[in-house]
Amino acid sequence: EKKLATENAGLLYVGSVVNECNCILNKVDGSNDVGLDGYLEFVERESVTGLCIGLQVKSGDSYKNRGR
């Protein structure tokens, strides 16, 4: 399904950015989707800090290039 492929592409992109920042993306199971798609977990000096923020990834065509 196109919607699922679009969602996966958005999460893969966010995951690549998170990895470049040496942090961890913990994805939420899509079958239990209540708004959050994952949690970004911060890492400092190769140790997990225990600090997280929830992420809602918007990746559909209507969200691309907003504000341009």
PDB file of N, CA and C in Angstrom:
ATOM      1  N   GLU A   1       0.845  -1.180   0.000  1.00  0.00           N
ATOM      2  CA  GLU A   1       0.000   0.000   0.000  1.00  0.00           C
ATOM      3  C   GLU A   1       0.891   1.245   0.000  1.00  0.00           C
ATOM      4  N   LYS A   2       0.476   2.246  -0.783  1.00  0.00           N
ATOM      5  CA  LYS A   2       1.273   3.466  -0.928  1.00  0.00           C
ATOM      6  C   LYS A   2       1.428   4.217   0.393  1.00  0.00           C
ATOM      7  N   LYS A   3       0.374   4.281   1.200  1.00  0.00           N
ATOM      8  CA  LYS A   3       0.440   5.003   2.467  1.00  0.00           C
ATOM      9  C   LYS A   3       1.511   4.398   3.384  1.00  0.00           C
ATOM     10  N   LEU A   4       1.545   3.082   3.473  1.00  0.00           N
ATOM     11  CA  LEU A   4       2.538   2.413   4.317  1.00  0.00           C
ATOM     12  C   LEU A   4       3.949   2.657   3.795  1.00  0.00           C
ATOM     13  N   ALA A   5       4.131   2.624   2.477  1.00  0.00           N
ATOM     14  CA  ALA A   5       5.447   2.885   1.881  1.00  0.00           C
ATOM     15  C   ALA A   5       5.897   4.314   2.176  1.00  0.00           C
ATOM     16  N   THR A   6       4.978   5.264   2.136  1.00  0.00           N
ATOM     17  CA  THR A   6       5.294   6.664   2.432  1.00  0.00           C
ATOM     18  C   THR A   6       5.686   6.824   3.902  1.00  0.00           C
ATOM     19  N   GLU A   7       4.933   6.173   4.784  1.00  0.00           N
ATOM     20  CA  GLU A   7       5.257   6.229   6.210  1.00  0.00           C
ATOM     21  C   GLU A   7       6.638   5.635   6.472  1.00  0.00           C
ATOM     22  N   ASN A   8       6.917   4.493   5.867  1.00  0.00           N
ATOM     23  CA  ASN A   8       8.218   3.841   6.049  1.00  0.00           C
ATOM     24  C   ASN A   8       9.356   4.715   5.531  1.00  0.00           C
ATOM     25  N   ALA A   9       9.139   5.375   4.397  1.00  0.00           N
ATOM     26  CA  ALA A   9      10.168   6.257   3.834  1.00  0.00           C
ATOM     27  C   ALA A   9      10.454   7.417   4.792  1.00  0.00           C
ATOM     28  N   GLY A  10       9.423   7.973   5.394  1.00  0.00           N
ATOM     29  CA  GLY A  10       9.605   9.054   6.359  1.00  0.00           C
ATOM     30  C   GLY A  10      10.382   8.601   7.576  1.00  0.00           C
ATOM     31  N   LEU A  11      10.051   7.434   8.102  1.00  0.00           N
ATOM     32  CA  LEU A  11      10.763   6.913   9.271  1.00  0.00           C
ATOM     33  C   LEU A  11      12.209   6.560   8.939  1.00  0.00           C
ATOM     34  N   LEU A  12      12.451   6.034   7.744  1.00  0.00           N
ATOM     35  CA  LEU A  12      13.824   5.736   7.341  1.00  0.00           C
ATOM     36  C   LEU A  12      14.653   7.014   7.258  1.00  0.00           C
ATOM     37  N   TYR A  13      14.061   8.069   6.721  1.00  0.00           N
ATOM     38  CA  TYR A  13      14.775   9.352   6.631  1.00  0.00           C
ATOM     39  C   TYR A  13      15.097   9.889   8.026  1.00  0.00           C
ATOM     40  N   VAL A  14      14.096   9.925   8.894  1.00  0.00           N
ATOM     41  CA  VAL A  14      14.311  10.419  10.256  1.00  0.00           C
ATOM     42  C   VAL A  14      15.350   9.548  10.961  1.00  0.00           C
ATOM     43  N   GLY A  15      15.278   8.238  10.768  1.00  0.00           N
ATOM     44  CA  GLY A  15      16.248   7.331  11.361  1.00  0.00           C
ATOM     45  C   GLY A  15      17.667   7.623  10.911  1.00  0.00           C
ATOM     46  N   SER A  16      17.836   7.973   9.630  1.00  0.00           N
ATOM     47  CA  SER A  16      19.181   8.277   9.132  1.00  0.00           C
ATOM     48  C   SER A  16      19.723   9.561   9.762  1.00  0.00           C
ATOM     49  N   VAL A  17      18.865  10.550   9.944  1.00  0.00           N
ATOM     50  CA  VAL A  17      19.287  11.804  10.591  1.00  0.00           C
ATOM     51  C   VAL A  17      19.638  11.545  12.055  1.00  0.00           C
ATOM     52  N   VAL A  18      18.811  10.778  12.735  1.00  0.00           N
ATOM     53  CA  VAL A  18      19.055  10.452  14.142  1.00  0.00           C
ATOM     54  C   VAL A  18      20.378   9.704  14.291  1.00  0.00           C
ATOM     55  N   ASN A  19      20.640   8.747  13.399  1.00  0.00           N
ATOM     56  CA  ASN A  19      21.898   7.992  13.452  1.00  0.00           C
ATOM     57  C   ASN A  19      23.105   8.896  13.238  1.00  0.00           C
ATOM     58  N   GLU A  20      22.994   9.854  12.333  1.00  0.00           N
ATOM     59  CA  GLU A  20      24.090  10.797  12.094  1.00  0.00           C
ATOM     60  C   GLU A  20      24.396  11.623  13.348  1.00  0.00           C
ATOM     61  N   CYS A  21      23.397  11.823  14.188  1.00  0.00           N
ATOM     62  CA  CYS A  21      23.578  12.587  15.427  1.00  0.00           C
ATOM     63  C   CYS A  21      23.996  11.691  16.588  1.00  0.00           C
ATOM     64  N   ASN A  22      24.285  10.428  16.281  1.00  0.00           N
ATOM     65  CA  ASN A  22      24.697   9.446  17.292  1.00  0.00           C
ATOM     66  C   ASN A  22      23.647   9.284  18.387  1.00  0.00           C
ATOM     67  N   CYS A  23      22.374   9.279  17.977  1.00  0.00           N
ATOM     68  CA  CYS A  23      21.268   9.037  18.892  1.00  0.00           C
ATOM     69  C   CYS A  23      20.553   7.768  18.439  1.00  0.00           C
ATOM     70  N   ILE A  24      19.484   7.405  19.121  1.00  0.00           N
ATOM     71  CA  ILE A  24      18.765   6.168  18.838  1.00  0.00           C
ATOM     72  C   ILE A  24      17.311   6.497  18.523  1.00  0.00           C
ATOM     73  N   LEU A  25      16.777   5.894  17.460  1.00  0.00           N
ATOM     74  CA  LEU A  25      15.353   6.004  17.144  1.00  0.00           C
ATOM     75  C   LEU A  25      14.691   4.684  17.512  1.00  0.00           C
ATOM     76  N   ASN A  26      13.793   4.730  18.485  1.00  0.00           N
ATOM     77  CA  ASN A  26      13.002   3.567  18.872  1.00  0.00           C
ATOM     78  C   ASN A  26      11.625   3.723  18.234  1.00  0.00           C
ATOM     79  N   LYS A  27      11.340   2.904  17.229  1.00  0.00           N
ATOM     80  CA  LYS A  27      10.075   3.003  16.499  1.00  0.00           C
ATOM     81  C   LYS A  27       8.941   2.378  17.302  1.00  0.00           C
ATOM     82  N   VAL A  28       7.754   2.983  17.174  1.00  0.00           N
ATOM     83  CA  VAL A  28       6.542   2.464  17.799  1.00  0.00           C
ATOM     84  C   VAL A  28       5.869   1.537  16.797  1.00  0.00           C
ATOM     85  N   ASP A  29       5.383   0.408  17.273  1.00  0.00           N
ATOM     86  CA  ASP A  29       4.679  -0.544  16.419  1.00  0.00           C
ATOM     87  C   ASP A  29       3.498   0.145  15.741  1.00  0.00           C
ATOM     88  N   GLY A  30       3.479   0.140  14.420  1.00  0.00           N
ATOM     89  CA  GLY A  30       2.444   0.829  13.651  1.00  0.00           C
ATOM     90  C   GLY A  30       1.047   0.306  13.872  1.00  0.00           C
ATOM     91  N   SER A  31       0.906  -0.946  14.295  1.00  0.00           N
ATOM     92  CA  SER A  31      -0.437  -1.494  14.520  1.00  0.00           C
ATOM     93  C   SER A  31      -1.074  -0.912  15.779  1.00  0.00           C
ATOM     94  N   ASN A  32      -0.273  -0.276  16.610  1.00  0.00           N
ATOM     95  CA  ASN A  32      -0.761   0.336  17.838  1.00  0.00           C
ATOM     96  C   ASN A  32      -0.587   1.850  17.765  1.00  0.00           C
ATOM     97  N   ASP A  33      -0.787   2.408  16.582  1.00  0.00           N
ATOM     98  CA  ASP A  33      -0.509   3.816  16.321  1.00  0.00           C
ATOM     99  C   ASP A  33      -1.556   4.711  16.975  1.00  0.00           C
ATOM    100  N   VAL A  34      -1.094   5.516  17.918  1.00  0.00           N
ATOM    101  CA  VAL A  34      -1.974   6.491  18.568  1.00  0.00           C
ATOM    102  C   VAL A  34      -1.428   7.897  18.395  1.00  0.00           C
ATOM    103  N   GLY A  35      -0.550   8.090  17.413  1.00  0.00           N
ATOM    104  CA  GLY A  35      -0.020   9.416  17.145  1.00  0.00           C
ATOM    105  C   GLY A  35       1.484   9.471  17.096  1.00  0.00           C
ATOM    106  N   LEU A  36       2.165   8.812  18.028  1.00  0.00           N
ATOM    107  CA  LEU A  36       3.614   8.849  18.023  1.00  0.00           C
ATOM    108  C   LEU A  36       4.168   7.718  17.155  1.00  0.00           C
ATOM    109  N   ASP A  37       5.172   8.058  16.366  1.00  0.00           N
ATOM    110  CA  ASP A  37       5.795   7.071  15.483  1.00  0.00           C
ATOM    111  C   ASP A  37       7.076   6.499  16.077  1.00  0.00           C
ATOM    112  N   GLY A  38       7.628   7.189  17.041  1.00  0.00           N
ATOM    113  CA  GLY A  38       8.853   6.708  17.663  1.00  0.00           C
ATOM    114  C   GLY A  38       9.328   7.648  18.746  1.00  0.00           C
ATOM    115  N   TYR A  39      10.413   7.242  19.365  1.00  0.00           N
ATOM    116  CA  TYR A  39      11.054   8.037  20.398  1.00  0.00           C
ATOM    117  C   TYR A  39      12.516   8.221  20.051  1.00  0.00           C
ATOM    118  N   LEU A  40      12.988   9.452  20.135  1.00  0.00           N
ATOM    119  CA  LEU A  40      14.398   9.749  19.939  1.00  0.00           C
ATOM    120  C   LEU A  40      15.051   9.685  21.310  1.00  0.00           C
ATOM    121  N   GLU A  41      16.064   8.825  21.424  1.00  0.00           N
ATOM    122  CA  GLU A  41      16.770   8.661  22.691  1.00  0.00           C
ATOM    123  C   GLU A  41      18.163   9.265  22.545  1.00  0.00           C
ATOM    124  N   PHE A  42      18.504  10.166  23.455  1.00  0.00           N
ATOM    125  CA  PHE A  42      19.769  10.878  23.373  1.00  0.00           C
ATOM    126  C   PHE A  42      20.919  10.047  23.938  1.00  0.00           C
ATOM    127  N   VAL A  43      22.061  10.138  23.250  1.00  0.00           N
ATOM    128  CA  VAL A  43      23.279   9.446  23.659  1.00  0.00           C
ATOM    129  C   VAL A  43      24.363  10.499  23.852  1.00  0.00           C
ATOM    130  N   GLU A  44      25.103  10.351  24.947  1.00  0.00           N
ATOM    131  CA  GLU A  44      26.201  11.280  25.229  1.00  0.00           C
ATOM    132  C   GLU A  44      27.436  10.476  25.617  1.00  0.00           C
ATOM    133  N   ARG A  45      28.514  10.711  24.913  1.00  0.00           N
ATOM    134  CA  ARG A  45      29.779   9.996  25.171  1.00  0.00           C
ATOM    135  C   ARG A  45      29.586   8.490  25.168  1.00  0.00           C
ATOM    136  N   GLU A  46      28.847   8.004  24.169  1.00  0.00           N
ATOM    137  CA  GLU A  46      28.607   6.571  23.966  1.00  0.00           C
ATOM    138  C   GLU A  46      27.744   5.927  25.046  1.00  0.00           C
ATOM    139  N   SER A  47      27.061   6.729  25.864  1.00  0.00           N
ATOM    140  CA  SER A  47      26.166   6.207  26.893  1.00  0.00           C
ATOM    141  C   SER A  47      24.771   6.771  26.678  1.00  0.00           C
ATOM    142  N   VAL A  48      23.778   5.926  26.828  1.00  0.00           N
ATOM    143  CA  VAL A  48      22.388   6.368  26.726  1.00  0.00           C
ATOM    144  C   VAL A  48      22.070   7.236  27.942  1.00  0.00           C
ATOM    145  N   THR A  49      21.455   8.398  27.704  1.00  0.00           N
ATOM    146  CA  THR A  49      21.205   9.353  28.789  1.00  0.00           C
ATOM    147  C   THR A  49      19.907   9.092  29.550  1.00  0.00           C
ATOM    148  N   GLY A  50      18.990   8.364  28.944  1.00  0.00           N
ATOM    149  CA  GLY A  50      17.679   8.179  29.554  1.00  0.00           C
ATOM    150  C   GLY A  50      16.709   9.285  29.176  1.00  0.00           C
ATOM    151  N   LEU A  51      17.170  10.272  28.420  1.00  0.00           N
ATOM    152  CA  LEU A  51      16.310  11.371  27.965  1.00  0.00           C
ATOM    153  C   LEU A  51      15.755  11.036  26.589  1.00  0.00           C
ATOM    154  N   CYS A  52      14.444  11.177  26.438  1.00  0.00           N
ATOM    155  CA  CYS A  52      13.778  10.850  25.177  1.00  0.00           C
ATOM    156  C   CYS A  52      12.762  11.933  24.823  1.00  0.00           C
ATOM    157  N   ILE A  53      12.474  12.023  23.531  1.00  0.00           N
ATOM    158  CA  ILE A  53      11.345  12.836  23.074  1.00  0.00           C
ATOM    159  C   ILE A  53      10.531  11.992  22.108  1.00  0.00           C
ATOM    160  N   GLY A  54       9.231  12.184  22.132  1.00  0.00           N
ATOM    161  CA  GLY A  54       8.345  11.478  21.211  1.00  0.00           C
ATOM    162  C   GLY A  54       8.332  12.173  19.860  1.00  0.00           C
ATOM    163  N   LEU A  55       8.254  11.372  18.794  1.00  0.00           N
ATOM    164  CA  LEU A  55       8.242  11.913  17.436  1.00  0.00           C
ATOM    165  C   LEU A  55       6.992  11.491  16.685  1.00  0.00           C
ATOM    166  N   GLN A  56       6.416  12.417  15.979  1.00  0.00           N
ATOM    167  CA  GLN A  56       5.367  12.101  15.024  1.00  0.00           C
ATOM    168  C   GLN A  56       5.890  12.542  13.664  1.00  0.00           C
ATOM    169  N   VAL A  57       6.115  11.572  12.787  1.00  0.00           N
ATOM    170  CA  VAL A  57       6.723  11.835  11.488  1.00  0.00           C
ATOM    171  C   VAL A  57       5.626  12.071  10.463  1.00  0.00           C
ATOM    172  N   LYS A  58       5.698  13.196   9.783  1.00  0.00           N
ATOM    173  CA  LYS A  58       4.759  13.535   8.711  1.00  0.00           C
ATOM    174  C   LYS A  58       5.509  13.417   7.395  1.00  0.00           C
ATOM    175  N   SER A  59       5.091  12.501   6.531  1.00  0.00           N
ATOM    176  CA  SER A  59       5.861  12.255   5.313  1.00  0.00           C
ATOM    177  C   SER A  59       5.023  12.216   4.038  1.00  0.00           C
ATOM    178  N   GLY A  60       3.763  12.514   4.122  1.00  0.00           N
ATOM    179  CA  GLY A  60       2.928  12.532   2.925  1.00  0.00           C
ATOM    180  C   GLY A  60       3.221  13.738   2.051  1.00  0.00           C
ATOM    181  N   ASP A  61       2.752  13.686   0.820  1.00  0.00           N
ATOM    182  CA  ASP A  61       2.988  14.771  -0.135  1.00  0.00           C
ATOM    183  C   ASP A  61       2.506  16.122   0.383  1.00  0.00           C
ATOM    184  N   SER A  62       1.419  16.153   1.142  1.00  0.00           N
ATOM    185  CA  SER A  62       0.885  17.428   1.632  1.00  0.00           C
ATOM    186  C   SER A  62       1.801  18.088   2.658  1.00  0.00           C
ATOM    187  N   TYR A  63       2.762  17.347   3.212  1.00  0.00           N
ATOM    188  CA  TYR A  63       3.674  17.903   4.205  1.00  0.00           C
ATOM    189  C   TYR A  63       5.009  18.303   3.633  1.00  0.00           C
ATOM    190  N   LYS A  64       5.319  17.889   2.419  1.00  0.00           N
ATOM    191  CA  LYS A  64       6.617  18.182   1.817  1.00  0.00           C
ATOM    192  C   LYS A  64       6.659  19.614   1.305  1.00  0.00           C
ATOM    193  N   ASN A  65       7.807  20.241   1.491  1.00  0.00           N
ATOM    194  CA  ASN A  65       8.081  21.595   0.988  1.00  0.00           C
ATOM    195  C   ASN A  65       7.149  22.659   1.552  1.00  0.00           C
ATOM    196  N   ARG A  66       6.659  22.445   2.753  1.00  0.00           N
ATOM    197  CA  ARG A  66       5.819  23.477   3.387  1.00  0.00           C
ATOM    198  C   ARG A  66       6.667  24.686   3.707  1.00  0.00           C
ATOM    199  N   GLY A  67       6.128  25.852   3.505  1.00  0.00           N
ATOM    200  CA  GLY A  67       6.820  27.089   3.836  1.00  0.00           C
ATOM    201  C   GLY A  67       7.826  27.527   2.804  1.00  0.00           C
ATOM    202  N   ARG A  68       7.833  26.890   1.664  1.00  0.00           N
ATOM    203  CA  ARG A  68       8.779  27.287   0.606  1.00  0.00           C
ATOM    204  C   ARG A  68       8.056  28.004  -0.493  1.00  0.00           C
TER     205      ARG A  68
END
